[in-house]
Amino acid sequence: MSRILVAYSTTDGHTLRICERLQQVMAQQGHAATVVPLAQADALDLPGFDKIVIGASIRYGKHQPSVKQFIERHQALLESKGNAFFTVNIVARKPEKNQPDTNPYLIKFLRTLSWQPKLLGVFAGKLDYPRYRFVDRFMIRLIMLMTNGPTDPKAVIEFTDWQQVEAFGQRVCDMP
């Protein structure tokens, strides 16, 4: 049994849902998974975990700055353990952009780091127009219009492939 930390950064809460599903998969495999917001992870005994997974959402093409800061602060520790990173973004709804080697946001983010995660994942997120503030709703609709995505301001669409999430969770469990 491994102790696994799943630390996340989320904009609208969907990354947390993905982390909770990962936690379920890990528990089913007999592992103890702790899910916490990235901002609270520093308060934990990080060396006490066998594996560390970081999940981060994208908004307007970028991860929150705290994600890179956490990774840089703990790079040596991450490299000494089983580790994984996944990103959650709407562009991953497209089959040609839903893999680590084809997702432009993940590729761009990894270029800013010297850390190379042992396991990478990309998951499509959730579009929830009614929940967004006016400016975000407007901007995201504009982006969707330009990328042939849904623009109905009442639309709530979950693009996440939960089988893909569960398979990632299994790969984390199998990682040394």
Protein backbone atom coordinates (compact mmCIF):
# COMPACT_ATOMS: atom_id res chain seq x y z
CA MET A 1 0.00 0.00 0.00
CA SER A 2 1.28 3.43 -0.96
CA ARG A 3 0.51 6.78 0.55
CA ILE A 4 -0.39 9.04 -2.37
CA LEU A 5 -0.84 12.80 -2.30
CA VAL A 6 -3.14 14.28 -4.93
CA ALA A 7 -2.73 18.05 -4.81
CA TYR A 8 -4.77 20.20 -7.13
CA SER A 9 -5.37 23.69 -8.42
CA THR A 10 -8.87 24.35 -9.74
CA THR A 11 -10.71 27.32 -11.17
CA ASP A 12 -14.33 26.14 -11.11
CA GLY A 13 -14.12 22.93 -9.08
CA HIS A 14 -14.00 20.32 -11.82
CA THR A 15 -10.36 19.43 -11.21
CA LEU A 16 -11.34 18.54 -7.64
CA ARG A 17 -13.99 16.14 -9.00
CA ILE A 18 -11.33 14.47 -11.12
CA CYS A 19 -9.04 14.21 -8.08
CA GLU A 20 -11.84 12.62 -6.08
CA ARG A 21 -12.33 10.01 -8.80
CA LEU A 22 -8.60 9.31 -8.77
CA GLN A 23 -8.81 8.89 -5.00
CA GLN A 24 -11.59 6.31 -5.43
CA VAL A 25 -9.51 4.32 -7.93
CA MET A 26 -6.51 4.42 -5.62
CA ALA A 27 -8.56 3.32 -2.61
CA GLN A 28 -10.00 0.41 -4.62
CA GLN A 29 -6.41 -0.69 -5.26
CA GLY A 30 -5.61 -0.54 -1.53
CA HIS A 31 -3.72 2.75 -1.50
CA ALA A 32 -4.27 5.65 0.88
CA ALA A 33 -4.81 8.80 -1.18
CA THR A 34 -5.03 12.27 0.32
CA VAL A 35 -6.63 14.98 -1.82
CA VAL A 36 -5.86 18.60 -0.92
CA PRO A 37 -5.78 21.98 -2.63
CA LEU A 38 -2.26 22.79 -3.77
CA ALA A 39 -2.26 25.83 -1.47
CA GLN A 40 -2.58 23.50 1.54
CA ALA A 41 -0.07 20.87 0.44
CA ASP A 42 2.94 22.68 1.93
CA ALA A 43 1.48 22.20 5.41
CA LEU A 44 1.63 18.41 5.00
CA ASP A 45 4.55 16.05 5.61
CA LEU A 46 5.38 15.80 1.90
CA PRO A 47 8.34 13.40 2.37
CA GLY A 48 5.90 11.01 4.09
CA PHE A 49 4.08 10.33 0.83
CA ASP A 50 5.27 7.60 -1.52
CA LYS A 51 3.84 9.26 -4.63
CA ILE A 52 2.76 12.79 -5.45
CA VAL A 53 0.22 13.70 -8.13
CA ILE A 54 -0.43 17.30 -9.14
CA GLY A 55 -3.56 18.26 -11.06
CA ALA A 56 -4.17 21.71 -12.48
CA SER A 57 -6.88 23.42 -14.46
CA ILE A 58 -6.39 25.84 -17.32
CA ARG A 59 -8.12 29.17 -17.74
CA TYR A 60 -7.35 31.33 -20.76
CA GLY A 61 -4.51 29.04 -21.75
CA LYS A 62 -2.62 29.15 -18.45
CA HIS A 63 -2.27 27.25 -15.21
CA GLN A 64 -2.47 29.25 -12.01
CA PRO A 65 1.00 30.61 -11.09
CA SER A 66 0.94 28.67 -7.80
CA VAL A 67 1.26 25.40 -9.75
CA LYS A 68 4.66 26.26 -11.20
CA GLN A 69 5.77 27.76 -7.88
CA PHE A 70 4.88 24.58 -5.99
CA ILE A 71 6.69 22.40 -8.51
CA GLU A 72 9.82 24.55 -8.43
CA ARG A 73 9.81 24.66 -4.62
CA HIS A 74 9.53 20.87 -4.35
CA GLN A 75 11.24 19.67 -7.52
CA ALA A 76 13.94 17.61 -5.76
CA LEU A 77 11.31 15.88 -3.61
CA LEU A 78 9.06 15.22 -6.61
CA GLU A 79 11.95 13.68 -8.53
CA SER A 80 12.77 11.37 -5.61
CA LYS A 81 9.29 9.78 -5.64
CA GLY A 82 6.73 8.37 -7.99
CA ASN A 83 5.12 11.48 -9.44
CA ALA A 84 2.53 12.52 -11.95
CA PHE A 85 1.03 15.69 -13.39
CA PHE A 86 -2.25 16.17 -15.18
CA THR A 87 -3.98 19.15 -16.69
CA VAL A 88 -7.68 19.81 -17.17
CA ASN A 89 -8.81 21.97 -20.08
CA ILE A 90 -11.64 22.34 -22.54
CA VAL A 91 -9.42 22.10 -25.62
CA ALA A 92 -8.85 18.45 -24.61
CA ARG A 93 -12.44 17.79 -25.72
CA LYS A 94 -10.93 17.40 -29.18
CA PRO A 95 -9.45 13.95 -29.82
CA GLU A 96 -6.41 15.44 -31.52
CA LYS A 97 -5.59 17.50 -28.38
CA ASN A 98 -6.38 15.13 -25.51
CA GLN A 99 -3.00 13.41 -25.07
CA PRO A 100 0.12 14.69 -23.30
CA ASP A 101 2.06 14.89 -26.56
CA THR A 102 -0.75 16.71 -28.42
CA ASN A 103 -2.20 19.09 -25.82
CA PRO A 104 -0.77 22.55 -26.52
CA TYR A 105 -1.28 23.83 -22.97
CA LEU A 106 0.54 20.93 -21.35
CA ILE A 107 3.37 21.09 -23.88
CA LYS A 108 3.77 24.84 -23.31
CA PHE A 109 3.66 24.47 -19.51
CA LEU A 110 6.25 21.69 -19.41
CA ARG A 111 8.64 23.85 -21.45
CA THR A 112 8.69 26.34 -18.56
CA LEU A 113 9.89 23.67 -16.10
CA SER A 114 13.04 21.64 -15.67
CA TRP A 115 10.93 18.95 -13.92
CA GLN A 116 9.73 16.18 -16.18
CA PRO A 117 6.91 14.21 -14.52
CA LYS A 118 7.13 10.42 -14.65
CA LEU A 119 3.47 10.21 -15.68
CA LEU A 120 1.40 12.77 -17.58
CA GLY A 121 -2.33 13.09 -18.13
CA VAL A 122 -4.70 15.38 -19.98
CA PHE A 123 -8.41 15.49 -19.27
CA ALA A 124 -11.18 17.45 -20.88
CA GLY A 125 -12.98 19.66 -18.41
CA LYS A 126 -16.46 20.98 -17.96
CA LEU A 127 -18.11 23.93 -19.65
CA ASP A 128 -20.59 25.64 -17.33
CA TYR A 129 -21.72 28.93 -18.82
CA PRO A 130 -24.41 29.72 -16.19
CA ARG A 131 -21.80 29.51 -13.44
CA TYR A 132 -19.33 31.93 -15.04
CA ARG A 133 -19.18 35.62 -14.33
CA PHE A 134 -20.31 37.84 -17.20
CA VAL A 135 -16.82 38.58 -18.52
CA ASP A 136 -15.71 34.95 -18.33
CA ARG A 137 -18.90 33.77 -20.00
CA PHE A 138 -18.38 36.29 -22.81
CA MET A 139 -14.70 35.43 -23.29
CA ILE A 140 -15.20 31.67 -23.17
CA ARG A 141 -18.09 31.89 -25.64
CA LEU A 142 -15.85 33.90 -27.96
CA ILE A 143 -13.11 31.27 -27.67
CA MET A 144 -15.66 28.52 -28.30
CA LEU A 145 -16.98 30.37 -31.34
CA MET A 146 -13.44 30.58 -32.76
CA THR A 147 -12.78 26.88 -32.05
CA ASN A 148 -16.16 25.53 -33.21
CA GLY A 149 -17.24 24.71 -29.66
CA PRO A 150 -20.62 25.13 -27.95
CA THR A 151 -21.72 28.74 -27.45
CA ASP A 152 -25.22 28.43 -25.94
CA PRO A 153 -24.99 30.62 -22.81
CA LYS A 154 -27.19 28.13 -20.93
CA ALA A 155 -25.01 25.12 -21.79
CA VAL A 156 -23.48 22.93 -19.12
CA ILE A 157 -21.39 20.23 -20.78
CA GLU A 158 -19.04 17.81 -19.11
CA PHE A 159 -16.42 16.66 -21.62
CA THR A 160 -14.44 14.50 -19.17
CA ASP A 161 -13.76 10.93 -20.21
CA TRP A 162 -14.06 9.25 -16.81
CA GLN A 163 -12.62 5.97 -18.11
CA GLN A 164 -9.50 7.90 -19.11
CA VAL A 165 -9.34 9.39 -15.60
CA GLU A 166 -9.69 5.95 -14.01
CA ALA A 167 -6.99 4.50 -16.28
CA PHE A 168 -4.66 7.31 -15.22
CA GLY A 169 -5.42 6.54 -11.57
CA GLN A 170 -4.55 2.89 -12.20
CA ARG A 171 -1.25 3.91 -13.84
CA VAL A 172 -0.42 6.01 -10.76
CA CYS A 173 -1.10 2.97 -8.57
CA ASP A 174 1.11 0.79 -10.76
CA MET A 175 3.97 3.31 -10.78
CA PRO A 176 6.95 2.35 -8.59
